[in-house]
Amino acid sequence: MTALQAPVRGASAVVTRRRRRLPFSPWHLVLIPATLILIFPFIWLLITSVETPAEALHFPPILTPHVLRFGNYPAALSSAPFGHFFANSAIVAVATVLSNLVLCSLAGYAFARFRFLGRGALFAVIMATLMVPFQVTMIPQFIITKWLGVHVLAAVGINHLGALILPNAATAFGIFFLRQFFRTLPVEYEESARVDGASRLTVLFRIVLPLAIPALATLAALTFLDSWNNFLWPLIAITSTNQMTLPLGLATFQGAHATEWTLLMAGNVMSLAPMMVIFFVAQRFFIRSVAATGLAGT
């Protein structure tokens, strides 16, 4: 036995003894309690949605209701036009996702492959907008949206669903995310297609985008979740009940003097269902696309 082999065998023996004593990683002792703490609010949400109003207001909270009142869910649907709220949110979220996939793909590909005057400065300006909080831009955004509705197209003006779609049709994060992912793709495929006579758009839609499906799926999921949960901008831009999205509709359960907590929690559970579906469908793309995006240099 050499001098180098002895420490290696000693270390492997220590690892083997630890595995015999502890059948899982020691990090699980920290991760499991942290996970329980993180999912407790969601469990509390589910429990409150099937409680009676008296149990929901009881202190300390009752985590084992005596009777499960699943009737809170149809009551929440009947007490407010939830179907209309769902439809509005779905229209806004789907339109925002589609516009982001198209516009951010075009812009991200241009920044990744094209060389033009001022490319670096323009990209820096776009990235700088990520550091500006929405509270700073919401008044100018409201004024611009109102002007567009009056002078250009009423469907994109205040109190229309278009006012929720147009300002988020393309985002700086989406441009940056796809630009970084495009930089990881081999340029040889594109050069071969260009030699065969393919145009830039043909290369983008037939070669680059099929290779970028993980990044596109991740961007679509993140954009959908952000649009579905958006509350502040719809609160500013929407004034009528017919145009309300789900976050605004859930706020109608909160009155000036009383709040229907059981119905509010039941509505929240129903509003979470599409987001859970989107997350579980797209989760296998998250790590792969984010890891590949992080490897690309700027």
C-alpha atoms as a PDB file:
ATOM      1  CA  MET A   1       0.000   0.000   0.000  1.00  0.00           C
ATOM      2  CA  THR A   2       1.380   3.384  -0.990  1.00  0.00           C
ATOM      3  CA  ALA A   3       1.278   6.543   1.103  1.00  0.00           C
ATOM      4  CA  LEU A   4      -1.477   8.030  -1.099  1.00  0.00           C
ATOM      5  CA  GLN A   5      -3.754   4.987  -1.018  1.00  0.00           C
ATOM      6  CA  ALA A   6      -3.981   4.870   2.770  1.00  0.00           C
ATOM      7  CA  PRO A   7      -5.766   8.242   3.263  1.00  0.00           C
ATOM      8  CA  VAL A   8      -8.179   7.461   0.399  1.00  0.00           C
ATOM      9  CA  ARG A   9      -9.155   4.117   1.921  1.00  0.00           C
ATOM     10  CA  GLY A  10      -9.465   5.742   5.321  1.00  0.00           C
ATOM     11  CA  ALA A  11     -11.819   8.406   3.987  1.00  0.00           C
ATOM     12  CA  SER A  12     -13.959   5.825   2.198  1.00  0.00           C
ATOM     13  CA  ALA A  13     -14.198   3.794   5.397  1.00  0.00           C
ATOM     14  CA  VAL A  14     -15.427   6.889   7.302  1.00  0.00           C
ATOM     15  CA  VAL A  15     -18.098   7.568   4.637  1.00  0.00           C
ATOM     16  CA  THR A  16     -19.211   3.930   4.786  1.00  0.00           C
ATOM     17  CA  ARG A  17     -19.551   4.051   8.582  1.00  0.00           C
ATOM     18  CA  ARG A  18     -21.598   7.280   8.334  1.00  0.00           C
ATOM     19  CA  ARG A  19     -23.933   5.711   5.781  1.00  0.00           C
ATOM     20  CA  ARG A  20     -24.467   2.748   8.059  1.00  0.00           C
ATOM     21  CA  ARG A  21     -25.428   5.033  10.928  1.00  0.00           C
ATOM     22  CA  LEU A  22     -27.499   7.511   8.808  1.00  0.00           C
ATOM     23  CA  PRO A  23     -29.271   6.112   5.708  1.00  0.00           C
ATOM     24  CA  PHE A  24     -29.692   9.612   4.185  1.00  0.00           C
ATOM     25  CA  SER A  25     -27.713  12.789   3.763  1.00  0.00           C
ATOM     26  CA  PRO A  26     -27.259  14.873   6.937  1.00  0.00           C
ATOM     27  CA  TRP A  27     -28.578  17.882   4.991  1.00  0.00           C
ATOM     28  CA  HIS A  28     -32.022  16.255   5.109  1.00  0.00           C
ATOM     29  CA  LEU A  29     -32.124  17.037   8.829  1.00  0.00           C
ATOM     30  CA  VAL A  30     -32.193  20.717   7.842  1.00  0.00           C
ATOM     31  CA  LEU A  31     -34.154  20.504   4.593  1.00  0.00           C
ATOM     32  CA  ILE A  32     -37.095  18.512   5.952  1.00  0.00           C
ATOM     33  CA  PRO A  33     -37.977  20.990   8.767  1.00  0.00           C
ATOM     34  CA  ALA A  34     -37.434  23.911   6.359  1.00  0.00           C
ATOM     35  CA  THR A  35     -39.794  22.280   3.852  1.00  0.00           C
ATOM     36  CA  LEU A  36     -42.453  21.792   6.526  1.00  0.00           C
ATOM     37  CA  ILE A  37     -42.198  25.452   7.497  1.00  0.00           C
ATOM     38  CA  LEU A  38     -42.541  26.548   3.876  1.00  0.00           C
ATOM     39  CA  ILE A  39     -45.593  24.390   3.083  1.00  0.00           C
ATOM     40  CA  PHE A  40     -47.399  25.157   6.371  1.00  0.00           C
ATOM     41  CA  PRO A  41     -49.134  28.312   4.982  1.00  0.00           C
ATOM     42  CA  PHE A  42     -50.435  26.265   2.043  1.00  0.00           C
ATOM     43  CA  ILE A  43     -51.726  23.566   4.407  1.00  0.00           C
ATOM     44  CA  TRP A  44     -53.384  26.257   6.527  1.00  0.00           C
ATOM     45  CA  LEU A  45     -54.950  27.656   3.352  1.00  0.00           C
ATOM     46  CA  LEU A  46     -56.421  24.258   2.459  1.00  0.00           C
ATOM     47  CA  ILE A  47     -57.735  23.669   5.979  1.00  0.00           C
ATOM     48  CA  THR A  48     -59.353  27.108   6.231  1.00  0.00           C
ATOM     49  CA  SER A  49     -61.076  26.600   2.886  1.00  0.00           C
ATOM     50  CA  VAL A  50     -63.126  23.685   4.333  1.00  0.00           C
ATOM     51  CA  GLU A  51     -63.821  25.138   7.791  1.00  0.00           C
ATOM     52  CA  THR A  52     -66.817  26.974   9.145  1.00  0.00           C
ATOM     53  CA  PRO A  53     -66.587  30.777   9.568  1.00  0.00           C
ATOM     54  CA  ALA A  54     -66.398  30.344  13.359  1.00  0.00           C
ATOM     55  CA  GLU A  55     -63.497  27.892  13.082  1.00  0.00           C
ATOM     56  CA  ALA A  56     -61.681  30.139  10.628  1.00  0.00           C
ATOM     57  CA  LEU A  57     -61.804  33.053  13.096  1.00  0.00           C
ATOM     58  CA  HIS A  58     -60.887  30.969  16.150  1.00  0.00           C
ATOM     59  CA  PHE A  59     -57.641  31.732  17.974  1.00  0.00           C
ATOM     60  CA  PRO A  60     -55.457  29.764  18.283  1.00  0.00           C
ATOM     61  CA  PRO A  61     -56.120  28.443  14.772  1.00  0.00           C
ATOM     62  CA  ILE A  62     -57.990  25.162  14.442  1.00  0.00           C
ATOM     63  CA  LEU A  63     -55.990  22.828  12.220  1.00  0.00           C
ATOM     64  CA  THR A  64     -58.368  19.851  12.597  1.00  0.00           C
ATOM     65  CA  PRO A  65     -61.872  21.008  11.612  1.00  0.00           C
ATOM     66  CA  HIS A  66     -64.749  19.016  13.083  1.00  0.00           C
ATOM     67  CA  VAL A  67     -66.656  18.931   9.788  1.00  0.00           C
ATOM     68  CA  LEU A  68     -65.182  19.351   6.324  1.00  0.00           C
ATOM     69  CA  ARG A  69     -67.320  21.917   4.507  1.00  0.00           C
ATOM     70  CA  PHE A  70     -66.560  21.336   0.839  1.00  0.00           C
ATOM     71  CA  GLY A  71     -69.615  23.464   0.128  1.00  0.00           C
ATOM     72  CA  ASN A  72     -67.378  26.499   0.534  1.00  0.00           C
ATOM     73  CA  TYR A  73     -66.102  25.935  -2.997  1.00  0.00           C
ATOM     74  CA  PRO A  74     -69.456  26.111  -4.828  1.00  0.00           C
ATOM     75  CA  ALA A  75     -70.423  28.957  -2.484  1.00  0.00           C
ATOM     76  CA  ALA A  76     -67.328  30.891  -3.557  1.00  0.00           C
ATOM     77  CA  LEU A  77     -68.162  30.253  -7.217  1.00  0.00           C
ATOM     78  CA  SER A  78     -71.746  31.468  -6.781  1.00  0.00           C
ATOM     79  CA  SER A  79     -70.993  34.504  -4.622  1.00  0.00           C
ATOM     80  CA  ALA A  80     -68.823  36.111  -7.319  1.00  0.00           C
ATOM     81  CA  PRO A  81     -68.483  35.727 -11.116  1.00  0.00           C
ATOM     82  CA  PHE A  82     -65.482  33.446 -10.714  1.00  0.00           C
ATOM     83  CA  GLY A  83     -65.885  31.943 -14.161  1.00  0.00           C
ATOM     84  CA  HIS A  84     -65.582  35.414 -15.675  1.00  0.00           C
ATOM     85  CA  PHE A  85     -62.533  36.175 -13.536  1.00  0.00           C
ATOM     86  CA  PHE A  86     -60.913  32.897 -14.626  1.00  0.00           C
ATOM     87  CA  ALA A  87     -61.594  33.649 -18.288  1.00  0.00           C
ATOM     88  CA  ASN A  88     -60.129  37.155 -18.025  1.00  0.00           C
ATOM     89  CA  SER A  89     -57.009  35.880 -16.269  1.00  0.00           C
ATOM     90  CA  ALA A  90     -56.594  33.096 -18.821  1.00  0.00           C
ATOM     91  CA  ILE A  91     -56.919  35.509 -21.754  1.00  0.00           C
ATOM     92  CA  VAL A  92     -54.397  37.931 -20.281  1.00  0.00           C
ATOM     93  CA  ALA A  93     -51.926  35.204 -19.242  1.00  0.00           C
ATOM     94  CA  VAL A  94     -52.037  33.288 -22.543  1.00  0.00           C
ATOM     95  CA  ALA A  95     -51.765  36.444 -24.663  1.00  0.00           C
ATOM     96  CA  THR A  96     -48.865  37.697 -22.533  1.00  0.00           C
ATOM     97  CA  VAL A  97     -47.039  34.368 -22.796  1.00  0.00           C
ATOM     98  CA  LEU A  98     -47.435  34.162 -26.580  1.00  0.00           C
ATOM     99  CA  SER A  99     -46.311  37.750 -27.149  1.00  0.00           C
ATOM    100  CA  ASN A 100     -43.299  37.262 -24.869  1.00  0.00           C
ATOM    101  CA  LEU A 101     -42.251  34.087 -26.651  1.00  0.00           C
ATOM    102  CA  VAL A 102     -42.395  35.799 -30.053  1.00  0.00           C
ATOM    103  CA  LEU A 103     -40.978  39.232 -29.230  1.00  0.00           C
ATOM    104  CA  CYS A 104     -38.354  38.106 -26.714  1.00  0.00           C
ATOM    105  CA  SER A 105     -37.176  35.370 -29.089  1.00  0.00           C
ATOM    106  CA  LEU A 106     -36.666  37.884 -31.889  1.00  0.00           C
ATOM    107  CA  ALA A 107     -34.925  40.402 -29.643  1.00  0.00           C
ATOM    108  CA  GLY A 108     -32.855  37.803 -27.808  1.00  0.00           C
ATOM    109  CA  TYR A 109     -31.671  36.247 -31.065  1.00  0.00           C
ATOM    110  CA  ALA A 110     -30.750  39.663 -32.459  1.00  0.00           C
ATOM    111  CA  PHE A 111     -28.659  40.490 -29.396  1.00  0.00           C
ATOM    112  CA  ALA A 112     -27.033  37.039 -29.407  1.00  0.00           C
ATOM    113  CA  ARG A 113     -26.096  36.798 -33.101  1.00  0.00           C
ATOM    114  CA  PHE A 114     -26.273  40.186 -34.804  1.00  0.00           C
ATOM    115  CA  ARG A 115     -23.516  42.764 -34.602  1.00  0.00           C
ATOM    116  CA  PHE A 116     -24.792  46.319 -35.010  1.00  0.00           C
ATOM    117  CA  LEU A 117     -23.831  49.777 -33.845  1.00  0.00           C
ATOM    118  CA  GLY A 118     -24.829  50.412 -30.237  1.00  0.00           C
ATOM    119  CA  ARG A 119     -25.711  46.795 -29.447  1.00  0.00           C
ATOM    120  CA  GLY A 120     -23.911  46.807 -26.102  1.00  0.00           C
ATOM    121  CA  ALA A 121     -25.331  50.186 -25.058  1.00  0.00           C
ATOM    122  CA  LEU A 122     -28.882  49.222 -26.006  1.00  0.00           C
ATOM    123  CA  PHE A 123     -28.622  45.916 -24.160  1.00  0.00           C
ATOM    124  CA  ALA A 124     -27.263  47.725 -21.086  1.00  0.00           C
ATOM    125  CA  VAL A 125     -30.220  50.129 -21.161  1.00  0.00           C
ATOM    126  CA  ILE A 126     -32.658  47.205 -21.353  1.00  0.00           C
ATOM    127  CA  MET A 127     -30.933  45.496 -18.432  1.00  0.00           C
ATOM    128  CA  ALA A 128     -31.003  48.741 -16.433  1.00  0.00           C
ATOM    129  CA  THR A 129     -34.805  48.690 -16.547  1.00  0.00           C
ATOM    130  CA  LEU A 130     -34.705  45.585 -14.339  1.00  0.00           C
ATOM    131  CA  MET A 131     -33.382  47.751 -11.492  1.00  0.00           C
ATOM    132  CA  VAL A 132     -36.308  50.214 -11.697  1.00  0.00           C
ATOM    133  CA  PRO A 133     -39.198  49.171  -9.406  1.00  0.00           C
ATOM    134  CA  PHE A 134     -42.693  49.147 -10.832  1.00  0.00           C
ATOM    135  CA  GLN A 135     -43.832  51.743  -8.296  1.00  0.00           C
ATOM    136  CA  VAL A 136     -41.644  54.277 -10.113  1.00  0.00           C
ATOM    137  CA  THR A 137     -43.039  53.554 -13.585  1.00  0.00           C
ATOM    138  CA  MET A 138     -46.691  52.811 -12.866  1.00  0.00           C
ATOM    139  CA  ILE A 139     -47.876  56.441 -13.237  1.00  0.00           C
ATOM    140  CA  PRO A 140     -46.089  57.020 -16.597  1.00  0.00           C
ATOM    141  CA  GLN A 141     -47.326  53.601 -17.712  1.00  0.00           C
ATOM    142  CA  PHE A 142     -50.881  54.545 -16.775  1.00  0.00           C
ATOM    143  CA  ILE A 143     -50.644  57.835 -18.688  1.00  0.00           C
ATOM    144  CA  ILE A 144     -49.219  56.130 -21.801  1.00  0.00           C
ATOM    145  CA  THR A 145     -51.839  53.380 -21.683  1.00  0.00           C
ATOM    146  CA  LYS A 146     -54.637  55.926 -21.328  1.00  0.00           C
ATOM    147  CA  TRP A 147     -53.271  57.936 -24.290  1.00  0.00           C
ATOM    148  CA  LEU A 148     -53.072  54.813 -26.444  1.00  0.00           C
ATOM    149  CA  GLY A 149     -56.663  53.916 -25.595  1.00  0.00           C
ATOM    150  CA  VAL A 150     -57.911  57.373 -26.533  1.00  0.00           C
ATOM    151  CA  HIS A 151     -55.819  58.100 -29.631  1.00  0.00           C
ATOM    152  CA  VAL A 152     -54.773  54.706 -31.048  1.00  0.00           C
ATOM    153  CA  LEU A 153     -56.977  51.752 -30.073  1.00  0.00           C
ATOM    154  CA  ALA A 154     -59.644  51.618 -27.377  1.00  0.00           C
ATOM    155  CA  ALA A 155     -59.018  47.896 -26.745  1.00  0.00           C
ATOM    156  CA  VAL A 156     -55.586  48.637 -25.244  1.00  0.00           C
ATOM    157  CA  GLY A 157     -56.791  51.536 -23.116  1.00  0.00           C
ATOM    158  CA  ILE A 158     -57.698  51.780 -19.464  1.00  0.00           C
ATOM    159  CA  ASN A 159     -60.403  49.394 -18.237  1.00  0.00           C
ATOM    160  CA  HIS A 160     -59.746  46.909 -21.053  1.00  0.00           C
ATOM    161  CA  LEU A 161     -57.879  43.608 -20.974  1.00  0.00           C
ATOM    162  CA  GLY A 162     -55.515  44.979 -23.592  1.00  0.00           C
ATOM    163  CA  ALA A 163     -54.184  47.384 -20.975  1.00  0.00           C
ATOM    164  CA  LEU A 164     -52.970  44.345 -19.010  1.00  0.00           C
ATOM    165  CA  ILE A 165     -51.405  42.646 -22.048  1.00  0.00           C
ATOM    166  CA  LEU A 166     -49.650  45.413 -23.975  1.00  0.00           C
ATOM    167  CA  PRO A 167     -47.296  46.715 -21.219  1.00  0.00           C
ATOM    168  CA  ASN A 168     -46.091  43.142 -20.570  1.00  0.00           C
ATOM    169  CA  ALA A 169     -45.917  41.975 -24.201  1.00  0.00           C
ATOM    170  CA  ALA A 170     -42.109  41.853 -23.928  1.00  0.00           C
ATOM    171  CA  THR A 171     -39.937  41.964 -20.835  1.00  0.00           C
ATOM    172  CA  ALA A 172     -36.287  42.753 -20.207  1.00  0.00           C
ATOM    173  CA  PHE A 173     -35.904  39.495 -18.302  1.00  0.00           C
ATOM    174  CA  GLY A 174     -37.257  37.484 -21.236  1.00  0.00           C
ATOM    175  CA  ILE A 175     -34.867  39.167 -23.675  1.00  0.00           C
ATOM    176  CA  PHE A 176     -31.903  38.595 -21.367  1.00  0.00           C
ATOM    177  CA  PHE A 177     -32.879  35.005 -20.603  1.00  0.00           C
ATOM    178  CA  LEU A 178     -33.275  33.941 -24.236  1.00  0.00           C
ATOM    179  CA  ARG A 179     -30.235  35.910 -25.361  1.00  0.00           C
ATOM    180  CA  GLN A 180     -28.080  34.048 -22.852  1.00  0.00           C
ATOM    181  CA  PHE A 181     -29.530  30.701 -23.904  1.00  0.00           C
ATOM    182  CA  PHE A 182     -29.038  31.401 -27.620  1.00  0.00           C
ATOM    183  CA  ARG A 183     -25.367  32.131 -26.936  1.00  0.00           C
ATOM    184  CA  THR A 184     -24.933  28.562 -25.660  1.00  0.00           C
ATOM    185  CA  LEU A 185     -26.143  27.010 -28.925  1.00  0.00           C
ATOM    186  CA  PRO A 186     -23.511  25.986 -31.511  1.00  0.00           C
ATOM    187  CA  VAL A 187     -23.360  28.560 -34.281  1.00  0.00           C
ATOM    188  CA  GLU A 188     -22.257  25.923 -36.825  1.00  0.00           C
ATOM    189  CA  TYR A 189     -25.848  24.731 -37.333  1.00  0.00           C
ATOM    190  CA  GLU A 190     -26.930  28.230 -38.280  1.00  0.00           C
ATOM    191  CA  GLU A 191     -23.958  28.776 -40.588  1.00  0.00           C
ATOM    192  CA  SER A 192     -24.707  25.545 -42.431  1.00  0.00           C
ATOM    193  CA  ALA A 193     -28.313  26.600 -42.970  1.00  0.00           C
ATOM    194  CA  ARG A 194     -27.202  30.031 -44.150  1.00  0.00           C
ATOM    195  CA  VAL A 195     -24.853  28.415 -46.685  1.00  0.00           C
ATOM    196  CA  ASP A 196     -27.808  26.394 -48.002  1.00  0.00           C
ATOM    197  CA  GLY A 197     -29.729  29.632 -48.600  1.00  0.00           C
ATOM    198  CA  ALA A 198     -31.936  29.838 -45.512  1.00  0.00           C
ATOM    199  CA  SER A 199     -32.924  33.283 -44.298  1.00  0.00           C
ATOM    200  CA  ARG A 200     -32.363  34.526 -40.774  1.00  0.00           C
ATOM    201  CA  LEU A 201     -36.008  33.980 -39.834  1.00  0.00           C
ATOM    202  CA  THR A 202     -35.927  30.468 -41.278  1.00  0.00           C
ATOM    203  CA  VAL A 203     -32.821  29.682 -39.229  1.00  0.00           C
ATOM    204  CA  LEU A 204     -34.484  31.092 -36.119  1.00  0.00           C
ATOM    205  CA  PHE A 205     -37.803  29.265 -36.429  1.00  0.00           C
ATOM    206  CA  ARG A 206     -36.584  25.950 -37.836  1.00  0.00           C
ATOM    207  CA  ILE A 207     -33.232  25.461 -36.133  1.00  0.00           C
ATOM    208  CA  VAL A 208     -32.717  27.749 -33.143  1.00  0.00           C
ATOM    209  CA  LEU A 209     -36.172  27.694 -31.527  1.00  0.00           C
ATOM    210  CA  PRO A 210     -36.543  23.863 -31.618  1.00  0.00           C
ATOM    211  CA  LEU A 211     -33.202  23.655 -29.808  1.00  0.00           C
ATOM    212  CA  ALA A 212     -34.360  26.280 -27.318  1.00  0.00           C
ATOM    213  CA  ILE A 213     -37.536  24.483 -26.189  1.00  0.00           C
ATOM    214  CA  PRO A 214     -36.319  24.151 -22.555  1.00  0.00           C
ATOM    215  CA  ALA A 215     -35.670  27.888 -22.332  1.00  0.00           C
ATOM    216  CA  LEU A 216     -38.954  28.740 -24.062  1.00  0.00           C
ATOM    217  CA  ALA A 217     -40.898  26.445 -21.733  1.00  0.00           C
ATOM    218  CA  THR A 218     -39.232  28.009 -18.698  1.00  0.00           C
ATOM    219  CA  LEU A 219     -39.933  31.539 -19.906  1.00  0.00           C
ATOM    220  CA  ALA A 220     -43.543  30.608 -20.700  1.00  0.00           C
ATOM    221  CA  ALA A 221     -44.086  29.140 -17.228  1.00  0.00           C
ATOM    222  CA  LEU A 222     -42.500  32.096 -15.422  1.00  0.00           C
ATOM    223  CA  THR A 223     -44.421  34.612 -17.538  1.00  0.00           C
ATOM    224  CA  PHE A 224     -47.694  32.770 -16.973  1.00  0.00           C
ATOM    225  CA  LEU A 225     -47.190  32.681 -13.203  1.00  0.00           C
ATOM    226  CA  ASP A 226     -46.278  36.366 -13.097  1.00  0.00           C
ATOM    227  CA  SER A 227     -49.271  37.388 -15.206  1.00  0.00           C
ATOM    228  CA  TRP A 228     -51.680  35.134 -13.312  1.00  0.00           C
ATOM    229  CA  ASN A 229     -50.594  36.571  -9.943  1.00  0.00           C
ATOM    230  CA  ASN A 230     -50.320  40.213 -11.023  1.00  0.00           C
ATOM    231  CA  PHE A 231     -52.436  42.421  -8.767  1.00  0.00           C
ATOM    232  CA  LEU A 232     -51.075  45.978  -8.612  1.00  0.00           C
ATOM    233  CA  TRP A 233     -51.266  46.905 -12.304  1.00  0.00           C
ATOM    234  CA  PRO A 234     -54.777  45.408 -12.806  1.00  0.00           C
ATOM    235  CA  LEU A 235     -55.856  47.288  -9.674  1.00  0.00           C
ATOM    236  CA  ILE A 236     -54.738  50.540 -11.333  1.00  0.00           C
ATOM    237  CA  ALA A 237     -55.868  49.844 -14.903  1.00  0.00           C
ATOM    238  CA  ILE A 238     -59.181  48.026 -14.337  1.00  0.00           C
ATOM    239  CA  THR A 239     -62.250  49.695 -12.838  1.00  0.00           C
ATOM    240  CA  SER A 240     -65.211  47.512 -13.870  1.00  0.00           C
ATOM    241  CA  THR A 241     -66.120  44.072 -12.558  1.00  0.00           C
ATOM    242  CA  ASN A 242     -66.467  42.626 -16.064  1.00  0.00           C
ATOM    243  CA  GLN A 243     -62.756  43.208 -16.770  1.00  0.00           C
ATOM    244  CA  MET A 244     -61.403  42.002 -13.417  1.00  0.00           C
ATOM    245  CA  THR A 245     -58.847  39.213 -13.228  1.00  0.00           C
ATOM    246  CA  LEU A 246     -58.665  36.622 -10.453  1.00  0.00           C
ATOM    247  CA  PRO A 247     -56.485  38.596  -8.007  1.00  0.00           C
ATOM    248  CA  LEU A 248     -58.923  41.511  -8.199  1.00  0.00           C
ATOM    249  CA  GLY A 249     -61.892  39.179  -7.975  1.00  0.00           C
ATOM    250  CA  LEU A 250     -60.540  37.577  -4.807  1.00  0.00           C
ATOM    251  CA  ALA A 251     -60.272  41.038  -3.277  1.00  0.00           C
ATOM    252  CA  THR A 252     -64.076  41.398  -3.530  1.00  0.00           C
ATOM    253  CA  PHE A 253     -64.421  38.937  -0.634  1.00  0.00           C
ATOM    254  CA  GLN A 254     -62.746  41.487   1.637  1.00  0.00           C
ATOM    255  CA  GLY A 255     -65.250  44.084   2.782  1.00  0.00           C
ATOM    256  CA  ALA A 256     -64.838  47.213   4.843  1.00  0.00           C
ATOM    257  CA  HIS A 257     -66.249  45.587   7.995  1.00  0.00           C
ATOM    258  CA  ALA A 258     -66.061  41.816   7.423  1.00  0.00           C
ATOM    259  CA  THR A 259     -64.226  39.263   5.311  1.00  0.00           C
ATOM    260  CA  GLU A 260     -65.549  35.894   4.189  1.00  0.00           C
ATOM    261  CA  TRP A 261     -62.348  34.067   5.054  1.00  0.00           C
ATOM    262  CA  THR A 262     -63.580  30.570   4.184  1.00  0.00           C
ATOM    263  CA  LEU A 263     -64.815  31.664   0.752  1.00  0.00           C
ATOM    264  CA  LEU A 264     -61.672  33.717   0.189  1.00  0.00           C
ATOM    265  CA  MET A 265     -59.452  30.727   0.948  1.00  0.00           C
ATOM    266  CA  ALA A 266     -61.583  28.452  -1.237  1.00  0.00           C
ATOM    267  CA  GLY A 267     -61.205  30.941  -4.081  1.00  0.00           C
ATOM    268  CA  ASN A 268     -57.448  31.076  -3.515  1.00  0.00           C
ATOM    269  CA  VAL A 269     -57.185  27.289  -3.693  1.00  0.00           C
ATOM    270  CA  MET A 270     -59.075  27.252  -6.994  1.00  0.00           C
ATOM    271  CA  SER A 271     -56.911  30.047  -8.375  1.00  0.00           C
ATOM    272  CA  LEU A 272     -53.764  28.093  -7.454  1.00  0.00           C
ATOM    273  CA  ALA A 273     -54.787  25.038  -9.487  1.00  0.00           C
ATOM    274  CA  PRO A 274     -53.684  26.346 -12.936  1.00  0.00           C
ATOM    275  CA  MET A 275     -50.355  27.534 -11.530  1.00  0.00           C
ATOM    276  CA  MET A 276     -49.680  24.149  -9.958  1.00  0.00           C
ATOM    277  CA  VAL A 277     -50.435  22.420 -13.265  1.00  0.00           C
ATOM    278  CA  ILE A 278     -48.166  24.778 -15.207  1.00  0.00           C
ATOM    279  CA  PHE A 279     -45.349  24.323 -12.691  1.00  0.00           C
ATOM    280  CA  PHE A 280     -45.447  20.519 -12.665  1.00  0.00           C
ATOM    281  CA  VAL A 281     -45.667  20.352 -16.455  1.00  0.00           C
ATOM    282  CA  ALA A 282     -42.698  22.694 -17.003  1.00  0.00           C
ATOM    283  CA  GLN A 283     -40.537  21.864 -13.995  1.00  0.00           C
ATOM    284  CA  ARG A 284     -38.340  19.384 -15.891  1.00  0.00           C
ATOM    285  CA  PHE A 285     -37.200  22.227 -18.137  1.00  0.00           C
ATOM    286  CA  PHE A 286     -36.291  24.639 -15.329  1.00  0.00           C
ATOM    287  CA  ILE A 287     -32.943  23.315 -14.156  1.00  0.00           C
ATOM    288  CA  ARG A 288     -31.708  22.420 -17.629  1.00  0.00           C
ATOM    289  CA  SER A 289     -32.498  25.819 -19.156  1.00  0.00           C
ATOM    290  CA  VAL A 290     -31.361  27.920 -16.205  1.00  0.00           C
ATOM    291  CA  ALA A 291     -28.105  25.967 -15.915  1.00  0.00           C
ATOM    292  CA  ALA A 292     -27.394  26.342 -19.624  1.00  0.00           C
ATOM    293  CA  THR A 293     -28.236  30.051 -19.509  1.00  0.00           C
ATOM    294  CA  GLY A 294     -25.882  30.630 -16.605  1.00  0.00           C
ATOM    295  CA  LEU A 295     -22.945  29.086 -18.463  1.00  0.00           C
ATOM    296  CA  ALA A 296     -23.018  31.628 -21.269  1.00  0.00           C
ATOM    297  CA  GLY A 297     -20.799  34.663 -20.985  1.00  0.00           C
ATOM    298  CA  THR A 298     -22.035  38.150 -21.520  1.00  0.00           C
END
